[in-house]
Amino acid sequence: MSQERLYKVLLAPRMTEKSVAATESANQYVFKVA
C-alpha cells in the first residue's frame, strides 16, 4: 500500500479509554479509518 493511500485511509487517531490502555500495555495504536 502506498504512502499516499495510507493518508487517505487513516483519518485520525482514536483516543478512548480502551485505546489508551492498549497503547500503554501492548504498544498498539488505534485509528479512525475511512
N, C-alpha and C. Protein backbone atom coordinates (compact mmCIF):
# COMPACT_ATOMS: atom_id res chain seq x y z
N MET A 1 0.86 -1.17 0.00
CA MET A 1 0.00 0.00 0.00
C MET A 1 0.90 1.23 0.00
N SER A 2 0.62 2.17 -0.88
CA SER A 2 1.45 3.36 -0.99
C SER A 2 1.22 4.32 0.18
N GLN A 3 2.19 5.17 0.40
CA GLN A 3 2.12 6.14 1.49
C GLN A 3 0.93 7.09 1.28
N GLU A 4 0.68 7.49 0.05
CA GLU A 4 -0.43 8.39 -0.26
C GLU A 4 -1.77 7.74 0.08
N ARG A 5 -1.90 6.47 -0.23
CA ARG A 5 -3.14 5.73 0.07
C ARG A 5 -3.37 5.63 1.58
N LEU A 6 -2.30 5.43 2.34
CA LEU A 6 -2.44 5.36 3.80
C LEU A 6 -2.99 6.66 4.37
N TYR A 7 -2.55 7.79 3.83
CA TYR A 7 -3.04 9.08 4.32
C TYR A 7 -4.53 9.27 4.04
N LYS A 8 -5.04 8.62 3.00
CA LYS A 8 -6.47 8.73 2.70
C LYS A 8 -7.30 7.77 3.55
N VAL A 9 -6.72 6.64 3.95
CA VAL A 9 -7.44 5.63 4.72
C VAL A 9 -7.45 5.96 6.20
N LEU A 10 -6.29 6.32 6.76
CA LEU A 10 -6.19 6.64 8.18
C LEU A 10 -6.57 8.10 8.39
N LEU A 11 -7.70 8.34 9.06
CA LEU A 11 -8.21 9.70 9.21
C LEU A 11 -7.69 10.39 10.46
N ALA A 12 -7.69 9.69 11.59
CA ALA A 12 -7.30 10.32 12.85
C ALA A 12 -7.05 9.25 13.90
N PRO A 13 -6.23 9.57 14.89
CA PRO A 13 -6.08 8.63 16.00
C PRO A 13 -7.33 8.60 16.86
N ARG A 14 -7.65 7.43 17.42
CA ARG A 14 -8.80 7.28 18.33
C ARG A 14 -8.28 7.36 19.75
N MET A 15 -8.77 8.31 20.52
CA MET A 15 -8.33 8.46 21.90
C MET A 15 -9.50 8.15 22.82
N THR A 16 -9.65 6.88 23.14
CA THR A 16 -10.66 6.45 24.10
C THR A 16 -9.94 5.76 25.25
N GLU A 17 -10.65 5.49 26.30
CA GLU A 17 -10.05 4.82 27.45
C GLU A 17 -9.48 3.46 27.05
N LYS A 18 -10.20 2.75 26.21
CA LYS A 18 -9.76 1.43 25.77
C LYS A 18 -8.52 1.52 24.87
N SER A 19 -8.48 2.50 23.97
CA SER A 19 -7.32 2.63 23.08
C SER A 19 -6.08 3.09 23.83
N VAL A 20 -6.25 3.94 24.83
CA VAL A 20 -5.11 4.37 25.65
C VAL A 20 -4.54 3.19 26.42
N ALA A 21 -5.40 2.33 26.94
CA ALA A 21 -4.95 1.14 27.65
C ALA A 21 -4.16 0.21 26.72
N ALA A 22 -4.63 0.06 25.49
CA ALA A 22 -3.93 -0.79 24.51
C ALA A 22 -2.58 -0.20 24.16
N THR A 23 -2.50 1.11 24.04
CA THR A 23 -1.24 1.77 23.73
C THR A 23 -0.23 1.57 24.85
N GLU A 24 -0.68 1.73 26.07
CA GLU A 24 0.23 1.61 27.21
C GLU A 24 0.68 0.17 27.46
N SER A 25 -0.23 -0.78 27.33
CA SER A 25 0.11 -2.16 27.71
C SER A 25 0.73 -2.97 26.57
N ALA A 26 0.30 -2.76 25.35
CA ALA A 26 0.75 -3.63 24.25
C ALA A 26 1.40 -2.87 23.11
N ASN A 27 1.66 -1.57 23.29
CA ASN A 27 2.29 -0.76 22.25
C ASN A 27 1.50 -0.83 20.93
N GLN A 28 0.17 -0.76 21.03
CA GLN A 28 -0.72 -0.78 19.87
C GLN A 28 -1.34 0.60 19.70
N TYR A 29 -1.68 0.94 18.47
CA TYR A 29 -2.30 2.23 18.18
C TYR A 29 -3.63 2.00 17.49
N VAL A 30 -4.60 2.88 17.75
CA VAL A 30 -5.94 2.76 17.21
C VAL A 30 -6.23 4.01 16.38
N PHE A 31 -6.72 3.81 15.15
CA PHE A 31 -7.02 4.92 14.25
C PHE A 31 -8.45 4.85 13.75
N LYS A 32 -9.01 6.00 13.45
CA LYS A 32 -10.29 6.10 12.74
C LYS A 32 -9.96 5.94 11.26
N VAL A 33 -10.69 5.05 10.58
CA VAL A 33 -10.40 4.78 9.17
C VAL A 33 -11.58 5.16 8.29
N ALA A 34 -11.29 5.37 7.01
CA ALA A 34 -12.32 5.75 6.05
C ALA A 34 -13.18 4.56 5.67
